Amino acid sequence: MKQTFVMLWAAVCMPLAGQAAFQAAAIAGPKDGPGIPFAGQFSMGVLNGEGKEHVYDYENPDGSRRQLSRLDWELKTIAMAGGSLSVRLMDRLTLNGGLWLALSEGSGEMEDYDWLQVGNPDWTHYSLSDADVTAGYILDLNVAWDFVNWNDLTARVVAGYKQDGWTWEDRGVYLLYPEYGYVPQALNGESMINYEQEFRMPYLGASADWTWNQFTFSGYLTYSPIVAATDWDEHVARDLHFKETFDGGDMLGLGVEVRYDFAEGFFKGVFLTAALDVQQVDLIVGDMEVENIVTGEVGGDEDVAGIENRYTVFSAGGGFRF
């Protein structure tokens, strides 16, 4: 029965996602002596994804909520780098943490859609901008418990906290507005909007490792039903600052990694990795506060804002076990 359970666990965890380079993983070695085993890992990768910003109103004839505006902010070819540490405090317990930072602005765009005509499902206003990622980070802290060690397979449960943040600045390319007959109007790189997203995500998860000779194949799956988020939108030309707050969102994360360990010689203790990480935060609806920075007037409303985010990271790296 135990063998059947372990094989089923491996079948679930391994294809989905244990340990990947942009997840703080339980990579510390076994506790064989009086010391405390720990390991460090450095990784670099390329991240692609998207953040979405929604605005709603209640102007439908029946008073229901409708889409008023949506801004799609790309995360495209963002160079990321960072590292993680793992400490084995007990035979089965590890404490893990990692931080990764954006090193480049990427090559993304921002598309801005408005639906200003009630009852019309088609957008009425559109603009396109180049979007630079001026800051970005991924922070992960977790504790992992190895509850299965069987032959070359280890399975564990994970509880942790993850926080991501992204900041964009746009440079206008053109707009399509009805007052110009939908003839493209050049924006000549004018800065229109600055935008920032932050996600705070306590989570639970599971991971598994399978070792074959000097290779280890790992995967993890994480989930949070209590995502909290905040975003900030600065409309430069209109002198308006928006702040939106959200809670009760869903996050799903998964990843896979292949690791090669040098078992002897000068490089003993060194390992190399290649990994794929995926994360998605589904649409969360929240509250909006708006401030006119010229007059100081402040207003807002409930359930008129929305936020989403997703990304994929391909990465490679290496580390050392002590």
Protein backbone atom coordinates (compact mmCIF):
# COMPACT_ATOMS: atom_id res chain seq x y z
CA MET A 1 0.00 0.00 0.00
CA LYS A 2 2.84 2.40 0.87
CA GLN A 3 4.55 1.72 -2.46
CA THR A 4 1.30 2.41 -4.32
CA PHE A 5 0.83 5.72 -2.48
CA VAL A 6 4.40 6.85 -3.19
CA MET A 7 4.14 6.03 -6.88
CA LEU A 8 0.82 7.90 -7.13
CA TRP A 9 2.40 10.92 -5.39
CA ALA A 10 5.28 10.91 -7.83
CA ALA A 11 2.92 10.63 -10.77
CA VAL A 12 1.05 13.73 -9.60
CA CYS A 13 4.01 15.91 -8.61
CA MET A 14 6.67 15.16 -11.17
CA PRO A 15 4.83 16.07 -14.39
CA LEU A 16 3.31 19.19 -12.90
CA ALA A 17 6.14 20.68 -11.27
CA GLY A 18 9.68 19.98 -5.96
CA GLN A 19 12.00 22.59 -6.89
CA ALA A 20 12.71 25.03 -9.67
CA ALA A 21 15.12 27.90 -9.98
CA PHE A 22 12.64 30.72 -9.21
CA GLN A 23 11.11 28.94 -6.23
CA ALA A 24 12.98 28.73 -2.90
CA ALA A 25 13.64 24.99 -2.83
CA ALA A 26 14.64 22.43 -0.21
CA ILE A 27 18.11 21.82 -1.70
CA ALA A 28 20.08 21.41 1.56
CA GLY A 29 21.70 17.99 1.86
CA PRO A 30 20.86 15.28 4.42
CA LYS A 31 21.65 15.79 8.10
CA ASP A 32 24.34 13.13 8.54
CA GLY A 33 26.46 14.64 11.33
CA PRO A 34 26.41 17.26 14.10
CA GLY A 35 26.56 20.24 11.71
CA ILE A 36 23.70 22.04 9.95
CA PRO A 37 23.63 21.31 6.20
CA PHE A 38 22.86 24.22 3.92
CA ALA A 39 23.03 25.04 0.23
CA GLY A 40 23.08 28.13 -1.95
CA GLN A 41 21.91 28.50 -5.52
CA PHE A 42 22.25 31.28 -8.12
CA SER A 43 20.11 31.43 -11.26
CA MET A 44 19.48 33.63 -14.27
CA GLY A 45 16.48 33.46 -16.54
CA VAL A 46 14.16 35.11 -19.02
CA LEU A 47 10.64 35.99 -17.89
CA ASN A 48 7.61 36.54 -20.12
CA GLY A 49 4.10 37.33 -19.00
CA GLU A 50 1.50 40.05 -18.54
CA GLY A 51 -0.17 42.22 -15.93
CA LYS A 52 -3.74 43.39 -16.48
CA GLU A 53 -5.42 46.45 -15.02
CA HIS A 54 -9.24 46.67 -15.13
CA VAL A 55 -11.71 49.48 -14.46
CA TYR A 56 -15.47 48.91 -14.12
CA ASP A 57 -18.62 50.96 -13.70
CA TYR A 58 -22.28 50.14 -13.04
CA GLU A 59 -23.84 52.00 -15.97
CA ASN A 60 -25.67 49.03 -17.50
CA PRO A 61 -29.45 49.52 -17.68
CA ASP A 62 -29.93 46.84 -15.02
CA GLY A 63 -27.27 48.38 -12.78
CA SER A 64 -24.83 45.49 -13.22
CA ARG A 65 -21.07 45.91 -13.45
CA ARG A 66 -19.53 46.39 -16.88
CA GLN A 67 -16.02 46.76 -18.28
CA LEU A 68 -15.07 50.43 -18.66
CA SER A 69 -11.35 50.11 -19.33
CA ARG A 70 -8.60 47.49 -19.55
CA LEU A 71 -4.84 48.02 -19.76
CA ASP A 72 -2.66 45.07 -20.77
CA TRP A 73 0.95 45.51 -19.57
CA GLU A 74 3.43 43.08 -21.11
CA LEU A 75 6.31 41.41 -19.31
CA LYS A 76 8.40 40.48 -22.34
CA THR A 77 11.96 39.09 -22.39
CA ILE A 78 12.75 40.38 -18.90
CA ALA A 79 16.21 39.27 -17.75
CA MET A 80 16.02 38.04 -14.15
CA ALA A 81 18.73 36.98 -11.71
CA GLY A 82 18.94 36.05 -8.06
CA GLY A 83 19.53 33.27 -5.62
CA SER A 84 18.23 31.14 -2.80
CA LEU A 85 19.45 29.55 0.44
CA SER A 86 18.28 26.32 2.03
CA VAL A 87 19.04 25.19 5.61
CA ARG A 88 18.17 21.75 7.00
CA LEU A 89 17.23 22.37 10.62
CA MET A 90 16.05 18.79 11.29
CA ASP A 91 16.25 15.47 9.48
CA ARG A 92 13.04 16.24 7.59
CA LEU A 93 12.66 20.02 8.01
CA THR A 94 14.23 22.71 5.79
CA LEU A 95 13.95 26.49 5.85
CA ASN A 96 14.26 28.07 2.40
CA GLY A 97 14.35 31.61 1.00
CA GLY A 98 15.08 33.30 -2.30
CA LEU A 99 15.02 36.67 -4.08
CA TRP A 100 15.20 37.40 -7.81
CA LEU A 101 15.37 40.84 -9.45
CA ALA A 102 14.64 42.21 -12.92
CA LEU A 103 17.85 43.25 -14.69
CA SER A 104 16.36 44.63 -17.91
CA GLU A 105 13.40 46.72 -19.06
CA GLY A 106 12.30 44.13 -21.60
CA SER A 107 10.64 44.78 -24.95
CA GLY A 108 6.97 44.85 -24.00
CA GLU A 109 3.98 46.94 -25.00
CA MET A 110 0.90 48.29 -23.26
CA GLU A 111 -2.52 48.24 -24.90
CA ASP A 112 -5.25 50.47 -23.46
CA TYR A 113 -8.90 49.71 -24.31
CA ASP A 114 -11.94 51.80 -23.31
CA TRP A 115 -15.65 50.95 -23.66
CA LEU A 116 -17.29 54.36 -23.25
CA GLN A 117 -20.54 53.53 -25.05
CA VAL A 118 -22.98 51.62 -22.84
CA GLY A 119 -24.44 48.60 -24.59
CA ASN A 120 -21.72 48.42 -27.23
CA PRO A 121 -19.52 45.32 -26.76
CA ASP A 122 -16.77 46.77 -29.00
CA TRP A 123 -14.14 49.12 -27.64
CA THR A 124 -14.53 52.80 -28.49
CA HIS A 125 -11.01 54.07 -27.69
CA TYR A 126 -7.63 52.38 -28.07
CA SER A 127 -3.99 53.33 -27.59
CA LEU A 128 -0.69 51.52 -27.93
CA SER A 129 2.49 52.27 -25.99
CA ASP A 130 5.92 50.77 -25.54
CA ALA A 131 6.23 49.65 -21.92
CA ASP A 132 9.50 49.51 -19.97
CA VAL A 133 9.74 47.41 -16.81
CA THR A 134 11.63 49.75 -14.50
CA ALA A 135 11.60 47.41 -11.48
CA GLY A 136 10.60 43.85 -10.73
CA TYR A 137 11.19 41.24 -8.05
CA ILE A 138 10.13 37.77 -6.88
CA LEU A 139 10.51 36.96 -3.15
CA ASP A 140 9.85 33.49 -1.72
CA LEU A 141 10.15 32.22 1.87
CA ASN A 142 9.00 28.76 2.91
CA VAL A 143 9.39 25.79 5.21
CA ALA A 144 9.32 22.23 3.83
CA TRP A 145 8.73 18.89 5.55
CA ASP A 146 9.93 15.64 3.93
CA PHE A 147 7.17 13.15 4.67
CA VAL A 148 8.24 10.42 2.21
CA ASN A 149 11.77 9.13 1.62
CA TRP A 150 11.64 5.96 -0.43
CA ASN A 151 14.52 4.67 -2.52
CA ASP A 152 15.47 7.63 -4.75
CA LEU A 153 12.20 9.54 -4.26
CA THR A 154 11.53 12.33 -1.75
CA ALA A 155 8.13 13.97 -1.37
CA ARG A 156 7.37 16.93 0.87
CA VAL A 157 4.73 19.44 1.86
CA VAL A 158 5.50 23.17 1.79
CA ALA A 159 4.06 26.25 3.52
CA GLY A 160 5.33 29.67 2.56
CA TYR A 161 4.93 33.31 1.66
CA LYS A 162 5.59 34.79 -1.75
CA GLN A 163 5.64 38.43 -2.86
CA ASP A 164 6.01 39.73 -6.41
CA GLY A 165 6.19 43.31 -7.66
CA TRP A 166 6.35 44.93 -11.11
CA THR A 167 6.64 48.56 -12.22
CA TRP A 168 6.07 49.86 -15.77
CA GLU A 169 6.51 53.18 -17.56
CA ASP A 170 4.89 53.68 -20.95
CA ARG A 171 5.97 55.64 -24.02
CA GLY A 172 3.02 56.39 -26.29
CA VAL A 173 3.10 55.10 -29.89
CA TYR A 174 -0.35 55.97 -31.29
CA LEU A 175 -4.04 56.19 -30.44
CA LEU A 176 -7.29 55.39 -32.22
CA TYR A 177 -10.11 57.67 -31.03
CA PRO A 178 -13.52 58.32 -32.64
CA GLU A 179 -12.98 62.09 -32.61
CA TYR A 180 -10.14 61.52 -35.08
CA GLY A 181 -12.19 59.15 -37.22
CA TYR A 182 -10.09 56.23 -35.92
CA VAL A 183 -7.15 57.51 -37.93
CA PRO A 184 -3.94 56.68 -36.00
CA GLN A 185 -2.59 59.70 -34.11
CA ALA A 186 1.12 59.54 -33.23
CA LEU A 187 2.05 60.03 -29.57
CA ASN A 188 5.78 60.44 -30.26
CA GLY A 189 6.97 58.60 -27.15
CA GLU A 190 5.05 60.81 -24.72
CA SER A 191 4.83 59.38 -21.19
CA MET A 192 1.15 58.78 -20.45
CA ILE A 193 0.87 56.26 -17.59
CA ASN A 194 3.11 54.74 -14.90
CA TYR A 195 1.81 51.56 -13.30
CA GLU A 196 2.84 49.24 -10.45
CA GLN A 197 1.51 45.90 -9.18
CA GLU A 198 2.30 44.11 -5.89
CA PHE A 199 1.06 40.65 -4.88
CA ARG A 200 1.28 39.14 -1.36
CA MET A 201 0.62 35.40 -1.30
CA PRO A 202 0.70 33.00 1.69
CA TYR A 203 0.58 29.54 0.14
CA LEU A 204 0.59 25.77 0.62
CA GLY A 205 2.17 23.33 -1.75
CA ALA A 206 3.82 20.00 -2.45
CA SER A 207 7.05 18.98 -4.12
CA ALA A 208 8.93 15.86 -5.14
CA ASP A 209 12.47 14.88 -6.19
CA TRP A 210 13.58 11.76 -8.01
CA THR A 211 17.30 11.01 -8.26
CA TRP A 212 18.89 8.90 -10.98
CA ASN A 213 22.65 8.58 -10.80
CA GLN A 214 23.90 12.20 -10.63
CA PHE A 215 20.68 13.71 -12.01
CA THR A 216 17.73 14.89 -9.92
CA PHE A 217 14.34 15.61 -11.49
CA SER A 218 12.17 17.89 -9.35
CA GLY A 219 8.75 19.47 -9.43
CA TYR A 220 6.46 21.59 -7.28
CA LEU A 221 2.87 22.77 -7.12
CA THR A 222 1.74 25.73 -4.98
CA TYR A 223 -1.66 27.32 -4.38
CA SER A 224 -3.03 30.30 -2.47
CA PRO A 225 -6.73 31.24 -2.11
CA ILE A 226 -5.92 34.37 -0.06
CA VAL A 227 -3.88 36.56 -2.41
CA ALA A 228 -3.79 40.24 -1.45
CA ALA A 229 -2.69 42.83 -4.00
CA THR A 230 -2.23 46.56 -4.47
CA ASP A 231 -1.68 48.57 -7.61
CA TRP A 232 -0.81 52.19 -8.30
CA ASP A 233 -1.62 54.01 -11.55
CA GLU A 234 -0.26 57.47 -12.32
CA HIS A 235 -1.99 59.21 -15.25
CA VAL A 236 0.76 61.70 -16.01
CA ALA A 237 -1.11 63.94 -18.46
CA ARG A 238 -4.28 64.08 -16.33
CA ASP A 239 -2.56 64.66 -12.95
CA LEU A 240 -4.49 61.73 -11.46
CA HIS A 241 -3.17 59.06 -9.10
CA PHE A 242 -5.13 55.82 -8.66
CA LYS A 243 -4.62 53.25 -5.90
CA GLU A 244 -6.51 49.95 -5.92
CA THR A 245 -6.62 47.30 -3.20
CA PHE A 246 -7.61 43.65 -3.56
CA ASP A 247 -7.93 40.52 -1.43
CA GLY A 248 -9.23 36.96 -1.63
CA GLY A 249 -7.55 36.15 -4.94
CA ASP A 250 -6.26 32.82 -6.25
CA MET A 251 -2.67 31.99 -7.21
CA LEU A 252 -1.44 28.79 -8.84
CA GLY A 253 2.26 28.12 -9.29
CA LEU A 254 4.15 25.15 -10.69
CA GLY A 255 7.61 24.34 -11.92
CA VAL A 256 10.05 21.64 -13.00
CA GLU A 257 13.83 21.43 -12.68
CA VAL A 258 16.66 19.15 -13.76
CA ARG A 259 19.77 19.20 -11.56
CA TYR A 260 23.19 17.61 -12.11
CA ASP A 261 25.39 17.03 -9.05
CA PHE A 262 29.15 16.62 -9.21
CA ALA A 263 29.78 13.69 -6.87
CA GLU A 264 33.58 13.58 -6.73
CA GLY A 265 36.77 15.44 -7.50
CA PHE A 266 37.44 19.17 -7.29
CA PHE A 267 33.80 20.09 -8.02
CA LYS A 268 32.25 17.78 -5.43
CA GLY A 269 29.27 19.58 -3.85
CA VAL A 270 28.66 21.75 -6.93
CA PHE A 271 25.45 21.37 -8.92
CA LEU A 272 24.03 22.81 -12.16
CA THR A 273 20.33 23.38 -12.90
CA ALA A 274 17.85 24.13 -15.67
CA ALA A 275 14.27 25.01 -14.78
CA LEU A 276 10.83 26.21 -15.85
CA ASP A 277 8.52 28.16 -13.49
CA VAL A 278 4.93 29.25 -14.15
CA GLN A 279 2.65 31.40 -11.99
CA GLN A 280 -0.83 32.82 -12.50
CA VAL A 281 -2.94 35.14 -10.36
CA ASP A 282 -6.54 35.09 -11.59
CA LEU A 283 -8.72 38.19 -11.83
CA ILE A 284 -9.40 39.84 -8.46
CA VAL A 285 -12.00 42.62 -8.14
CA GLY A 286 -11.32 45.34 -5.57
CA ASP A 287 -11.68 48.95 -4.49
CA MET A 288 -10.36 52.14 -6.07
CA GLU A 289 -9.14 55.43 -4.63
CA VAL A 290 -8.34 58.34 -6.95
CA GLU A 291 -6.55 61.60 -6.11
CA ASN A 292 -6.22 64.75 -8.18
CA ILE A 293 -2.67 65.84 -7.35
CA VAL A 294 -3.38 69.43 -8.45
CA THR A 295 -6.52 70.08 -6.39
CA GLY A 296 -5.94 67.44 -3.70
CA GLU A 297 -9.48 66.11 -4.19
CA VAL A 298 -9.84 62.42 -3.27
CA GLY A 299 -12.62 60.03 -4.29
CA GLY A 300 -13.21 56.37 -4.98
CA ASP A 301 -15.61 53.45 -5.02
CA GLU A 302 -15.86 49.77 -4.15
CA ASP A 303 -15.62 46.85 -6.59
CA VAL A 304 -14.68 49.01 -9.58
CA ALA A 305 -11.09 47.81 -10.11
CA GLY A 306 -9.55 44.54 -11.25
CA ILE A 307 -6.06 43.03 -11.37
CA GLU A 308 -4.43 39.96 -12.96
CA ASN A 309 -0.90 38.69 -13.49
CA ARG A 310 0.84 35.71 -15.03
CA TYR A 311 4.40 34.82 -16.00
CA THR A 312 6.67 32.04 -17.21
CA VAL A 313 10.42 31.86 -16.50
CA PHE A 314 13.04 29.71 -18.23
CA SER A 315 16.26 29.69 -16.22
CA ALA A 316 19.65 28.08 -15.64
CA GLY A 317 21.97 28.24 -12.69
CA GLY A 318 24.16 26.47 -10.22
CA GLY A 319 25.04 26.20 -6.58
CA PHE A 320 26.97 24.49 -3.81
CA ARG A 321 26.05 22.27 -0.87
CA PHE A 322 27.89 22.77 2.43
